[in-house]
Amino acid sequence: MDNYEKHAFKAVEAEYREDFLAAMIEQQTKTLPSASMIDTQPEIEWFMRPYLLDFLVDTHQTLKLSPQALFLAVNLVDRYCSRRVVAKKHYQLVGCTALWIASKYEDKKSRVPSLAELMAMCCGVYEEAMFLQMEGHILNTLEWSVGHTTLDAFIHLYVGNSEPDAAKDRLINTCKFLAECSMYHRAFFQFTPSIVARSCVVLASHVLGGAGAWATESKEEQECVNLLARYMQTPTQSLQKKYMRTSQSQVPKLIAAFIARQQQQQQQQQQHVAMPPSPAPSTEVEFDLHVTPSKQQQQQQHYQAQGGYVTPPHSPYNKVNGYPTRN
């Protein structure tokens, strides 16, 4: 795409952004999963979720699929688990097949992974026929309704063209990091994608600093921001590794610097206030992102894999069954 086409695309996007946003907000509730129904799964537990999502993040990176394919795949997994009982031994199969379906929906045909690649990603645990059978189960269960208004789509509309290219890249990468953090936790099922996406933009703008920081517009948004601020401090290893790359603006470093600034400001404020002796202050940082900020009430909950189903490790192509490295 040359410069003229880029400018023309931006002009059209700016002209119809509000219409796109209104249509997406109207459609978003039609493809939401149910956390309460997932709670009823007899074998699947919430502490298993980070292991599956780490596998999907690593596989998505290895296959070089589009960003929206990852968000769509997680939505497909959650919607399927909201309607069908899933055996623990098939949890990874559901996730990998959902990523395959999402890639067919979002990516060019040349980027869609083959069945051999899917088998390699799962270390040969599942046969080709099992992927085909699971694909049919998922599509029939969802009545072939694959499309979903994903978090990244809302983020791009909210950010728009208001920032210079370099600053916009940092903002979008930080938003995507926060959005992917939210996928790991049940607490975010209570919010619509538009609320989570806008909360990501609000928090990301404060992390990056500057005069253009956004403010929350509702109590619900403030609650979502507070949850994001808590969970962004403890990303999984796969998520940390993914966003430490220069192409992803090294987002964990930006967040670490922001947390350090917040802690320093709190210490300076405490030094100017005379108070009686008290226990040592908590290391948890509170974020003032609203006119009347809500303080965080809960500590970060760490997932444990006691007795859970461990996802087989991610295996590069050049080390599994001789499959070539993907270009």
C-alpha atoms as a PDB file:
ATOM      1  CA  MET A   1       0.000   0.000   0.000  1.00  0.00           C
ATOM      2  CA  ASP A   2       1.558   3.316  -1.113  1.00  0.00           C
ATOM      3  CA  ASN A   3       1.321   6.634   0.751  1.00  0.00           C
ATOM      4  CA  TYR A   4      -1.696   7.808  -1.238  1.00  0.00           C
ATOM      5  CA  GLU A   5      -3.648   4.638  -0.427  1.00  0.00           C
ATOM      6  CA  LYS A   6      -2.672   4.884   3.244  1.00  0.00           C
ATOM      7  CA  HIS A   7      -3.919   8.465   3.463  1.00  0.00           C
ATOM      8  CA  ALA A   8      -7.125   7.539   1.626  1.00  0.00           C
ATOM      9  CA  PHE A   9      -7.719   4.610   3.979  1.00  0.00           C
ATOM     10  CA  LYS A  10      -7.158   6.812   7.038  1.00  0.00           C
ATOM     11  CA  ALA A  11      -9.583   9.398   5.684  1.00  0.00           C
ATOM     12  CA  VAL A  12     -12.311   6.798   5.153  1.00  0.00           C
ATOM     13  CA  GLU A  13     -11.647   5.278   8.575  1.00  0.00           C
ATOM     14  CA  ALA A  14     -11.899   8.672  10.262  1.00  0.00           C
ATOM     15  CA  GLU A  15     -15.123   9.518   8.424  1.00  0.00           C
ATOM     16  CA  TYR A  16     -16.932   6.299   9.346  1.00  0.00           C
ATOM     17  CA  ARG A  17     -15.297   5.518  12.703  1.00  0.00           C
ATOM     18  CA  GLU A  18     -18.313   6.476  14.795  1.00  0.00           C
ATOM     19  CA  ASP A  19     -20.616   4.388  12.590  1.00  0.00           C
ATOM     20  CA  PHE A  20     -18.285   1.386  12.831  1.00  0.00           C
ATOM     21  CA  LEU A  21     -18.053   1.766  16.597  1.00  0.00           C
ATOM     22  CA  ALA A  22     -21.819   2.017  17.062  1.00  0.00           C
ATOM     23  CA  ALA A  23     -22.402  -1.097  14.946  1.00  0.00           C
ATOM     24  CA  MET A  24     -19.738  -3.077  16.811  1.00  0.00           C
ATOM     25  CA  ILE A  25     -21.129  -2.112  20.217  1.00  0.00           C
ATOM     26  CA  GLU A  26     -24.564  -3.255  19.087  1.00  0.00           C
ATOM     27  CA  GLN A  27     -23.229  -6.604  17.840  1.00  0.00           C
ATOM     28  CA  GLN A  28     -20.805  -7.416  20.670  1.00  0.00           C
ATOM     29  CA  THR A  29     -23.348  -8.990  23.042  1.00  0.00           C
ATOM     30  CA  LYS A  30     -24.449 -11.571  20.461  1.00  0.00           C
ATOM     31  CA  THR A  31     -21.218 -13.587  20.660  1.00  0.00           C
ATOM     32  CA  LEU A  32     -20.265 -13.398  24.335  1.00  0.00           C
ATOM     33  CA  PRO A  33     -19.355 -16.516  26.364  1.00  0.00           C
ATOM     34  CA  SER A  34     -20.849 -17.326  29.765  1.00  0.00           C
ATOM     35  CA  ALA A  35     -18.481 -17.608  32.723  1.00  0.00           C
ATOM     36  CA  SER A  36     -21.205 -19.165  34.870  1.00  0.00           C
ATOM     37  CA  MET A  37     -21.708 -21.953  32.321  1.00  0.00           C
ATOM     38  CA  ILE A  38     -17.960 -22.580  32.121  1.00  0.00           C
ATOM     39  CA  ASP A  39     -18.030 -22.880  35.926  1.00  0.00           C
ATOM     40  CA  THR A  40     -20.197 -25.983  35.526  1.00  0.00           C
ATOM     41  CA  GLN A  41     -17.583 -27.878  33.491  1.00  0.00           C
ATOM     42  CA  PRO A  42     -16.926 -31.127  35.405  1.00  0.00           C
ATOM     43  CA  GLU A  43     -13.254 -31.459  34.413  1.00  0.00           C
ATOM     44  CA  ILE A  44     -12.108 -28.018  33.230  1.00  0.00           C
ATOM     45  CA  GLU A  45     -10.937 -25.656  35.990  1.00  0.00           C
ATOM     46  CA  TRP A  46     -10.031 -21.972  35.746  1.00  0.00           C
ATOM     47  CA  PHE A  47      -6.460 -22.577  36.908  1.00  0.00           C
ATOM     48  CA  MET A  48      -5.922 -24.595  33.702  1.00  0.00           C
ATOM     49  CA  ARG A  49      -6.765 -21.582  31.557  1.00  0.00           C
ATOM     50  CA  PRO A  50      -3.328 -19.862  31.690  1.00  0.00           C
ATOM     51  CA  TYR A  51      -1.663 -23.042  30.443  1.00  0.00           C
ATOM     52  CA  LEU A  52      -3.975 -23.269  27.443  1.00  0.00           C
ATOM     53  CA  LEU A  53      -3.639 -19.560  26.649  1.00  0.00           C
ATOM     54  CA  ASP A  54       0.150 -19.694  26.914  1.00  0.00           C
ATOM     55  CA  PHE A  55       0.069 -22.541  24.410  1.00  0.00           C
ATOM     56  CA  LEU A  56      -2.165 -20.506  22.080  1.00  0.00           C
ATOM     57  CA  VAL A  57       0.033 -17.403  22.409  1.00  0.00           C
ATOM     58  CA  ASP A  58       3.181 -19.409  21.591  1.00  0.00           C
ATOM     59  CA  THR A  59       1.536 -21.268  18.710  1.00  0.00           C
ATOM     60  CA  HIS A  60       0.043 -18.062  17.330  1.00  0.00           C
ATOM     61  CA  GLN A  61       3.516 -16.469  17.366  1.00  0.00           C
ATOM     62  CA  THR A  62       5.210 -19.469  15.763  1.00  0.00           C
ATOM     63  CA  LEU A  63       2.658 -19.673  12.961  1.00  0.00           C
ATOM     64  CA  LYS A  64       2.814 -15.887  12.447  1.00  0.00           C
ATOM     65  CA  LEU A  65      -0.938 -15.482  12.344  1.00  0.00           C
ATOM     66  CA  SER A  66      -2.778 -12.152  12.392  1.00  0.00           C
ATOM     67  CA  PRO A  67      -3.305 -10.473  15.812  1.00  0.00           C
ATOM     68  CA  GLN A  68      -7.084 -10.690  15.543  1.00  0.00           C
ATOM     69  CA  ALA A  69      -6.901 -14.479  15.047  1.00  0.00           C
ATOM     70  CA  LEU A  70      -5.693 -14.943  18.638  1.00  0.00           C
ATOM     71  CA  PHE A  71      -8.528 -12.905  20.166  1.00  0.00           C
ATOM     72  CA  LEU A  72     -11.088 -14.689  17.989  1.00  0.00           C
ATOM     73  CA  ALA A  73      -9.681 -18.116  18.888  1.00  0.00           C
ATOM     74  CA  VAL A  74     -10.040 -17.450  22.625  1.00  0.00           C
ATOM     75  CA  ASN A  75     -13.615 -16.275  22.074  1.00  0.00           C
ATOM     76  CA  LEU A  76     -14.408 -19.475  20.158  1.00  0.00           C
ATOM     77  CA  VAL A  77     -12.944 -21.621  22.942  1.00  0.00           C
ATOM     78  CA  ASP A  78     -14.982 -19.818  25.597  1.00  0.00           C
ATOM     79  CA  ARG A  79     -18.219 -19.926  23.606  1.00  0.00           C
ATOM     80  CA  TYR A  80     -17.781 -23.640  22.931  1.00  0.00           C
ATOM     81  CA  CYS A  81     -17.018 -24.359  26.604  1.00  0.00           C
ATOM     82  CA  SER A  82     -20.151 -22.375  27.506  1.00  0.00           C
ATOM     83  CA  ARG A  83     -22.300 -24.853  25.554  1.00  0.00           C
ATOM     84  CA  ARG A  84     -20.553 -28.230  25.570  1.00  0.00           C
ATOM     85  CA  VAL A  85     -18.888 -30.395  28.210  1.00  0.00           C
ATOM     86  CA  VAL A  86     -15.163 -30.641  27.422  1.00  0.00           C
ATOM     87  CA  ALA A  87     -12.959 -33.458  28.681  1.00  0.00           C
ATOM     88  CA  LYS A  88      -9.707 -32.360  30.253  1.00  0.00           C
ATOM     89  CA  LYS A  89      -7.700 -34.414  27.765  1.00  0.00           C
ATOM     90  CA  HIS A  90      -9.401 -32.562  24.873  1.00  0.00           C
ATOM     91  CA  TYR A  91      -8.971 -29.012  26.227  1.00  0.00           C
ATOM     92  CA  GLN A  92      -5.843 -28.371  24.176  1.00  0.00           C
ATOM     93  CA  LEU A  93      -7.484 -29.919  21.105  1.00  0.00           C
ATOM     94  CA  VAL A  94     -10.369 -27.448  21.425  1.00  0.00           C
ATOM     95  CA  GLY A  95      -7.920 -24.534  21.729  1.00  0.00           C
ATOM     96  CA  CYS A  96      -5.752 -25.543  18.786  1.00  0.00           C
ATOM     97  CA  THR A  97      -8.768 -26.224  16.562  1.00  0.00           C
ATOM     98  CA  ALA A  98     -10.291 -22.872  17.535  1.00  0.00           C
ATOM     99  CA  LEU A  99      -7.056 -21.164  16.467  1.00  0.00           C
ATOM    100  CA  TRP A 100      -7.241 -23.055  13.171  1.00  0.00           C
ATOM    101  CA  ILE A 101     -10.821 -21.871  12.586  1.00  0.00           C
ATOM    102  CA  ALA A 102      -9.904 -18.298  13.550  1.00  0.00           C
ATOM    103  CA  SER A 103      -6.986 -18.341  11.110  1.00  0.00           C
ATOM    104  CA  LYS A 104      -9.265 -19.500   8.295  1.00  0.00           C
ATOM    105  CA  TYR A 105     -11.594 -16.616   9.147  1.00  0.00           C
ATOM    106  CA  GLU A 106      -9.003 -13.850   9.590  1.00  0.00           C
ATOM    107  CA  ASP A 107      -5.848 -14.755   7.649  1.00  0.00           C
ATOM    108  CA  LYS A 108      -4.858 -15.197   4.039  1.00  0.00           C
ATOM    109  CA  LYS A 109      -5.150 -18.746   2.765  1.00  0.00           C
ATOM    110  CA  SER A 110      -1.360 -19.047   2.552  1.00  0.00           C
ATOM    111  CA  ARG A 111      -1.054 -18.377   6.289  1.00  0.00           C
ATOM    112  CA  VAL A 112      -3.626 -20.935   7.465  1.00  0.00           C
ATOM    113  CA  PRO A 113      -1.743 -23.770   9.221  1.00  0.00           C
ATOM    114  CA  SER A 114      -1.895 -27.288   7.848  1.00  0.00           C
ATOM    115  CA  LEU A 115      -3.040 -30.318   9.811  1.00  0.00           C
ATOM    116  CA  ALA A 116       0.569 -31.487   9.967  1.00  0.00           C
ATOM    117  CA  GLU A 117       1.545 -28.199  11.604  1.00  0.00           C
ATOM    118  CA  LEU A 118      -1.279 -28.486  14.121  1.00  0.00           C
ATOM    119  CA  MET A 119      -0.149 -31.999  15.016  1.00  0.00           C
ATOM    120  CA  ALA A 120       3.413 -30.764  15.474  1.00  0.00           C
ATOM    121  CA  MET A 121       2.261 -27.951  17.744  1.00  0.00           C
ATOM    122  CA  CYS A 122       0.503 -30.525  19.953  1.00  0.00           C
ATOM    123  CA  CYS A 123       3.526 -32.864  19.920  1.00  0.00           C
ATOM    124  CA  GLY A 124       1.581 -35.565  18.090  1.00  0.00           C
ATOM    125  CA  VAL A 125      -0.928 -36.045  20.914  1.00  0.00           C
ATOM    126  CA  TYR A 126      -3.890 -35.760  18.531  1.00  0.00           C
ATOM    127  CA  GLU A 127      -4.359 -37.340  15.099  1.00  0.00           C
ATOM    128  CA  GLU A 128      -5.424 -35.388  12.006  1.00  0.00           C
ATOM    129  CA  ALA A 129      -8.919 -36.854  12.091  1.00  0.00           C
ATOM    130  CA  MET A 130      -9.423 -35.489  15.612  1.00  0.00           C
ATOM    131  CA  PHE A 131      -8.830 -31.912  14.444  1.00  0.00           C
ATOM    132  CA  LEU A 132     -11.335 -32.329  11.625  1.00  0.00           C
ATOM    133  CA  GLN A 133     -13.893 -33.867  13.955  1.00  0.00           C
ATOM    134  CA  MET A 134     -13.419 -31.116  16.564  1.00  0.00           C
ATOM    135  CA  GLU A 135     -13.718 -28.440  13.874  1.00  0.00           C
ATOM    136  CA  GLY A 136     -17.139 -29.831  12.985  1.00  0.00           C
ATOM    137  CA  HIS A 137     -18.179 -29.990  16.646  1.00  0.00           C
ATOM    138  CA  ILE A 138     -17.214 -26.360  17.272  1.00  0.00           C
ATOM    139  CA  LEU A 139     -18.857 -24.978  14.129  1.00  0.00           C
ATOM    140  CA  ASN A 140     -22.079 -26.917  14.656  1.00  0.00           C
ATOM    141  CA  THR A 141     -22.236 -25.972  18.332  1.00  0.00           C
ATOM    142  CA  LEU A 142     -21.832 -22.284  17.488  1.00  0.00           C
ATOM    143  CA  GLU A 143     -24.249 -22.669  14.571  1.00  0.00           C
ATOM    144  CA  TRP A 144     -21.488 -21.511  12.233  1.00  0.00           C
ATOM    145  CA  SER A 145     -21.440 -18.077  13.855  1.00  0.00           C
ATOM    146  CA  VAL A 146     -17.681 -17.476  13.876  1.00  0.00           C
ATOM    147  CA  GLY A 147     -17.370 -13.683  13.684  1.00  0.00           C
ATOM    148  CA  HIS A 148     -16.886 -11.663  16.861  1.00  0.00           C
ATOM    149  CA  THR A 149     -16.132  -8.009  17.684  1.00  0.00           C
ATOM    150  CA  THR A 150     -12.692  -8.587  19.174  1.00  0.00           C
ATOM    151  CA  LEU A 151     -10.760  -6.428  21.625  1.00  0.00           C
ATOM    152  CA  ASP A 152      -8.130  -5.426  19.089  1.00  0.00           C
ATOM    153  CA  ALA A 153     -10.803  -4.148  16.675  1.00  0.00           C
ATOM    154  CA  PHE A 154     -12.203  -1.849  19.358  1.00  0.00           C
ATOM    155  CA  ILE A 155      -8.707  -0.719  20.357  1.00  0.00           C
ATOM    156  CA  HIS A 156      -7.836   0.374  16.817  1.00  0.00           C
ATOM    157  CA  LEU A 157     -11.084   2.332  16.523  1.00  0.00           C
ATOM    158  CA  TYR A 158     -10.604   4.034  19.895  1.00  0.00           C
ATOM    159  CA  VAL A 159      -6.999   4.998  19.181  1.00  0.00           C
ATOM    160  CA  GLY A 160      -7.720   6.079  15.604  1.00  0.00           C
ATOM    161  CA  ASN A 161      -5.261   8.463  13.977  1.00  0.00           C
ATOM    162  CA  SER A 162      -4.910  10.847  16.894  1.00  0.00           C
ATOM    163  CA  GLU A 163      -1.268   9.948  17.611  1.00  0.00           C
ATOM    164  CA  PRO A 164       1.930  10.203  15.532  1.00  0.00           C
ATOM    165  CA  ASP A 165       3.047   6.843  14.146  1.00  0.00           C
ATOM    166  CA  ALA A 166       5.756   6.039  16.740  1.00  0.00           C
ATOM    167  CA  ALA A 167       3.627   7.089  19.700  1.00  0.00           C
ATOM    168  CA  LYS A 168       0.613   5.309  18.241  1.00  0.00           C
ATOM    169  CA  ASP A 169       2.582   2.063  17.892  1.00  0.00           C
ATOM    170  CA  ARG A 170       3.623   2.201  21.550  1.00  0.00           C
ATOM    171  CA  LEU A 171       0.060   2.938  22.610  1.00  0.00           C
ATOM    172  CA  ILE A 172      -1.447   0.119  20.527  1.00  0.00           C
ATOM    173  CA  ASN A 173       1.185  -2.399  21.662  1.00  0.00           C
ATOM    174  CA  THR A 174       0.577  -1.490  25.302  1.00  0.00           C
ATOM    175  CA  CYS A 175      -3.175  -1.790  24.765  1.00  0.00           C
ATOM    176  CA  LYS A 176      -2.775  -5.198  23.130  1.00  0.00           C
ATOM    177  CA  PHE A 177      -0.602  -6.403  26.008  1.00  0.00           C
ATOM    178  CA  LEU A 178      -3.269  -5.349  28.507  1.00  0.00           C
ATOM    179  CA  ALA A 179      -6.000  -6.891  26.359  1.00  0.00           C
ATOM    180  CA  GLU A 180      -4.165 -10.209  26.203  1.00  0.00           C
ATOM    181  CA  CYS A 181      -3.626 -10.070  29.976  1.00  0.00           C
ATOM    182  CA  SER A 182      -7.383  -9.734  30.406  1.00  0.00           C
ATOM    183  CA  MET A 183      -8.023 -12.946  28.437  1.00  0.00           C
ATOM    184  CA  TYR A 184      -6.335 -15.007  31.150  1.00  0.00           C
ATOM    185  CA  HIS A 185      -8.715 -14.080  33.968  1.00  0.00           C
ATOM    186  CA  ARG A 186     -12.337 -14.880  34.739  1.00  0.00           C
ATOM    187  CA  ALA A 187     -12.828 -11.444  36.335  1.00  0.00           C
ATOM    188  CA  PHE A 188     -13.046  -9.800  32.894  1.00  0.00           C
ATOM    189  CA  PHE A 189     -15.969 -11.920  31.675  1.00  0.00           C
ATOM    190  CA  GLN A 190     -18.312  -9.467  33.389  1.00  0.00           C
ATOM    191  CA  PHE A 191     -17.332  -6.681  30.959  1.00  0.00           C
ATOM    192  CA  THR A 192     -18.167  -6.279  27.278  1.00  0.00           C
ATOM    193  CA  PRO A 193     -15.273  -6.096  24.778  1.00  0.00           C
ATOM    194  CA  SER A 194     -15.872  -2.357  24.264  1.00  0.00           C
ATOM    195  CA  ILE A 195     -15.480  -1.679  28.008  1.00  0.00           C
ATOM    196  CA  VAL A 196     -12.315  -3.786  28.282  1.00  0.00           C
ATOM    197  CA  ALA A 197     -10.824  -2.222  25.147  1.00  0.00           C
ATOM    198  CA  ARG A 198     -11.461   1.347  26.278  1.00  0.00           C
ATOM    199  CA  SER A 199     -10.098   0.524  29.738  1.00  0.00           C
ATOM    200  CA  CYS A 200      -6.942  -0.773  28.046  1.00  0.00           C
ATOM    201  CA  VAL A 201      -6.575   2.533  26.195  1.00  0.00           C
ATOM    202  CA  VAL A 202      -7.130   4.521  29.408  1.00  0.00           C
ATOM    203  CA  LEU A 203      -4.519   2.576  31.380  1.00  0.00           C
ATOM    204  CA  ALA A 204      -2.051   2.439  28.480  1.00  0.00           C
ATOM    205  CA  SER A 205      -2.221   6.218  28.061  1.00  0.00           C
ATOM    206  CA  HIS A 206      -1.297   6.634  31.741  1.00  0.00           C
ATOM    207  CA  VAL A 207       1.497   4.072  31.518  1.00  0.00           C
ATOM    208  CA  LEU A 208       3.048   5.998  28.630  1.00  0.00           C
ATOM    209  CA  GLY A 209       2.480   9.369  30.327  1.00  0.00           C
ATOM    210  CA  GLY A 210       2.118  12.667  28.558  1.00  0.00           C
ATOM    211  CA  ALA A 211      -0.631  15.240  28.384  1.00  0.00           C
ATOM    212  CA  GLY A 212      -2.972  13.069  26.328  1.00  0.00           C
ATOM    213  CA  ALA A 213      -3.889  10.569  29.055  1.00  0.00           C
ATOM    214  CA  TRP A 214      -7.478   9.358  28.870  1.00  0.00           C
ATOM    215  CA  ALA A 215      -9.966   9.344  31.754  1.00  0.00           C
ATOM    216  CA  THR A 216     -12.555   6.714  32.617  1.00  0.00           C
ATOM    217  CA  GLU A 217     -16.183   7.494  31.790  1.00  0.00           C
ATOM    218  CA  SER A 218     -18.049   5.194  34.177  1.00  0.00           C
ATOM    219  CA  LYS A 219     -17.774   3.250  37.414  1.00  0.00           C
ATOM    220  CA  GLU A 220     -17.691   0.028  35.401  1.00  0.00           C
ATOM    221  CA  GLU A 221     -14.770   1.295  33.349  1.00  0.00           C
ATOM    222  CA  GLN A 222     -12.905   2.344  36.485  1.00  0.00           C
ATOM    223  CA  GLU A 223     -13.390  -1.130  37.965  1.00  0.00           C
ATOM    224  CA  CYS A 224     -12.020  -2.691  34.780  1.00  0.00           C
ATOM    225  CA  VAL A 225      -9.010  -0.346  34.808  1.00  0.00           C
ATOM    226  CA  ASN A 226      -8.246  -1.304  38.409  1.00  0.00           C
ATOM    227  CA  LEU A 227      -8.326  -4.999  37.504  1.00  0.00           C
ATOM    228  CA  LEU A 228      -6.039  -4.427  34.521  1.00  0.00           C
ATOM    229  CA  ALA A 229      -3.645  -2.420  36.700  1.00  0.00           C
ATOM    230  CA  ARG A 230      -3.405  -5.347  39.095  1.00  0.00           C
ATOM    231  CA  TYR A 231      -2.990  -8.161  36.595  1.00  0.00           C
ATOM    232  CA  MET A 232      -0.564  -6.332  34.294  1.00  0.00           C
ATOM    233  CA  GLN A 233       2.080  -6.633  37.020  1.00  0.00           C
ATOM    234  CA  THR A 234       2.229 -10.442  36.799  1.00  0.00           C
ATOM    235  CA  PRO A 235       1.972 -11.555  33.155  1.00  0.00           C
ATOM    236  CA  THR A 236       2.728 -15.153  32.258  1.00  0.00           C
ATOM    237  CA  GLN A 237       6.154 -16.036  30.915  1.00  0.00           C
ATOM    238  CA  SER A 238       4.847 -16.464  27.366  1.00  0.00           C
ATOM    239  CA  LEU A 239       3.172 -13.059  27.380  1.00  0.00           C
ATOM    240  CA  GLN A 240       6.236 -11.424  28.922  1.00  0.00           C
ATOM    241  CA  LYS A 241       8.509 -12.940  26.284  1.00  0.00           C
ATOM    242  CA  LYS A 242       6.209 -11.961  23.422  1.00  0.00           C
ATOM    243  CA  TYR A 243       6.034  -8.280  24.362  1.00  0.00           C
ATOM    244  CA  MET A 244       9.684  -7.856  25.334  1.00  0.00           C
ATOM    245  CA  ARG A 245      10.583  -7.734  21.646  1.00  0.00           C
ATOM    246  CA  THR A 246      11.512  -4.388  20.146  1.00  0.00           C
ATOM    247  CA  SER A 247       8.746  -4.753  17.553  1.00  0.00           C
ATOM    248  CA  GLN A 248       6.279  -4.868  20.469  1.00  0.00           C
ATOM    249  CA  SER A 249       7.750  -1.722  22.085  1.00  0.00           C
ATOM    250  CA  GLN A 250       9.132  -3.766  25.034  1.00  0.00           C
ATOM    251  CA  VAL A 251       5.878  -3.131  26.877  1.00  0.00           C
ATOM    252  CA  PRO A 252       6.849  -4.923  30.140  1.00  0.00           C
ATOM    253  CA  LYS A 253       9.710  -2.438  30.561  1.00  0.00           C
ATOM    254  CA  LEU A 254       7.329   0.480  30.051  1.00  0.00           C
ATOM    255  CA  ILE A 255       4.983  -0.945  32.674  1.00  0.00           C
ATOM    256  CA  ALA A 256       7.827  -1.592  35.133  1.00  0.00           C
ATOM    257  CA  ALA A 257       8.971   2.026  34.769  1.00  0.00           C
ATOM    258  CA  PHE A 258       5.415   3.260  35.323  1.00  0.00           C
ATOM    259  CA  ILE A 259       5.009   1.167  38.480  1.00  0.00           C
ATOM    260  CA  ALA A 260       8.331   2.476  39.804  1.00  0.00           C
ATOM    261  CA  ARG A 261       7.150   6.064  39.249  1.00  0.00           C
ATOM    262  CA  GLN A 262       3.886   5.349  41.041  1.00  0.00           C
ATOM    263  CA  GLN A 263       5.668   3.815  44.024  1.00  0.00           C
ATOM    264  CA  GLN A 264       8.057   6.760  44.225  1.00  0.00           C
ATOM    265  CA  GLN A 265       5.162   9.216  44.215  1.00  0.00           C
ATOM    266  CA  GLN A 266       3.416   7.284  46.986  1.00  0.00           C
ATOM    267  CA  GLN A 267       6.566   7.270  49.109  1.00  0.00           C
ATOM    268  CA  GLN A 268       6.990  11.014  48.648  1.00  0.00           C
ATOM    269  CA  GLN A 269       3.388  11.602  49.689  1.00  0.00           C
ATOM    270  CA  GLN A 270       3.806   9.439  52.788  1.00  0.00           C
ATOM    271  CA  GLN A 271       6.880  11.391  53.848  1.00  0.00           C
ATOM    272  CA  HIS A 272       4.825  14.598  54.020  1.00  0.00           C
ATOM    273  CA  VAL A 273       2.063  13.114  56.159  1.00  0.00           C
ATOM    274  CA  ALA A 274       2.590  12.645  59.910  1.00  0.00           C
ATOM    275  CA  MET A 275       1.085   9.335  60.921  1.00  0.00           C
ATOM    276  CA  PRO A 276       1.374   7.008  63.968  1.00  0.00           C
ATOM    277  CA  PRO A 277       3.476   3.847  63.600  1.00  0.00           C
ATOM    278  CA  SER A 278       1.841   1.273  61.363  1.00  0.00           C
ATOM    279  CA  PRO A 279       2.734  -1.984  59.615  1.00  0.00           C
ATOM    280  CA  ALA A 280       4.958  -1.808  56.548  1.00  0.00           C
ATOM    281  CA  PRO A 281       3.074  -0.537  53.483  1.00  0.00           C
ATOM    282  CA  SER A 282       1.917  -2.974  50.866  1.00  0.00           C
ATOM    283  CA  THR A 283       3.991  -3.299  47.720  1.00  0.00           C
ATOM    284  CA  GLU A 284       0.814  -3.229  45.620  1.00  0.00           C
ATOM    285  CA  VAL A 285       0.510  -0.017  43.636  1.00  0.00           C
ATOM    286  CA  GLU A 286      -2.690   2.022  43.545  1.00  0.00           C
ATOM    287  CA  PHE A 287      -3.493   3.902  40.354  1.00  0.00           C
ATOM    288  CA  ASP A 288      -5.223   7.270  40.241  1.00  0.00           C
ATOM    289  CA  LEU A 289      -6.913   7.212  36.838  1.00  0.00           C
ATOM    290  CA  HIS A 290     -10.217   8.855  37.717  1.00  0.00           C
ATOM    291  CA  VAL A 291     -11.543  11.916  39.515  1.00  0.00           C
ATOM    292  CA  THR A 292     -12.658   9.649  42.356  1.00  0.00           C
ATOM    293  CA  PRO A 293     -10.429   6.591  41.984  1.00  0.00           C
ATOM    294  CA  SER A 294     -11.391   3.210  43.307  1.00  0.00           C
ATOM    295  CA  LYS A 295      -8.619   1.602  45.349  1.00  0.00           C
ATOM    296  CA  GLN A 296      -7.719  -1.977  44.642  1.00  0.00           C
ATOM    297  CA  GLN A 297      -9.339  -4.343  47.114  1.00  0.00           C
ATOM    298  CA  GLN A 298      -7.850  -7.679  46.254  1.00  0.00           C
ATOM    299  CA  GLN A 299      -4.345  -8.993  45.888  1.00  0.00           C
ATOM    300  CA  GLN A 300      -3.157 -10.726  42.755  1.00  0.00           C
ATOM    301  CA  GLN A 301      -4.230 -14.353  42.698  1.00  0.00           C
ATOM    302  CA  HIS A 302      -1.583 -16.688  41.405  1.00  0.00           C
ATOM    303  CA  TYR A 303      -2.666 -19.668  39.414  1.00  0.00           C
ATOM    304  CA  GLN A 304      -1.316 -23.067  40.447  1.00  0.00           C
ATOM    305  CA  ALA A 305      -1.342 -26.206  38.401  1.00  0.00           C
ATOM    306  CA  GLN A 306      -1.848 -28.688  41.226  1.00  0.00           C
ATOM    307  CA  GLY A 307      -3.313 -31.806  39.769  1.00  0.00           C
ATOM    308  CA  GLY A 308      -4.259 -29.999  36.550  1.00  0.00           C
ATOM    309  CA  TYR A 309      -3.795 -30.928  32.939  1.00  0.00           C
ATOM    310  CA  VAL A 310      -0.467 -29.597  31.745  1.00  0.00           C
ATOM    311  CA  THR A 311      -0.417 -28.485  28.129  1.00  0.00           C
ATOM    312  CA  PRO A 312       2.357 -30.224  26.170  1.00  0.00           C
ATOM    313  CA  PRO A 313       5.312 -27.889  25.638  1.00  0.00           C
ATOM    314  CA  HIS A 314       5.554 -25.787  22.509  1.00  0.00           C
ATOM    315  CA  SER A 315       7.892 -27.387  19.992  1.00  0.00           C
ATOM    316  CA  PRO A 316       9.632 -25.548  17.130  1.00  0.00           C
ATOM    317  CA  TYR A 317       9.102 -27.034  13.703  1.00  0.00           C
ATOM    318  CA  ASN A 318      12.735 -27.787  13.113  1.00  0.00           C
ATOM    319  CA  LYS A 319      12.726 -30.035  16.194  1.00  0.00           C
ATOM    320  CA  VAL A 320       9.455 -31.943  15.754  1.00  0.00           C
ATOM    321  CA  ASN A 321       9.057 -34.648  13.167  1.00  0.00           C
ATOM    322  CA  GLY A 322      11.232 -32.724  10.740  1.00  0.00           C
ATOM    323  CA  TYR A 323       8.653 -30.048   9.924  1.00  0.00           C
ATOM    324  CA  PRO A 324      10.325 -26.981   8.357  1.00  0.00           C
ATOM    325  CA  THR A 325      10.438 -23.630  10.102  1.00  0.00           C
ATOM    326  CA  ARG A 326       7.586 -21.371   8.953  1.00  0.00           C
ATOM    327  CA  ASN A 327       8.723 -18.340   6.911  1.00  0.00           C
END
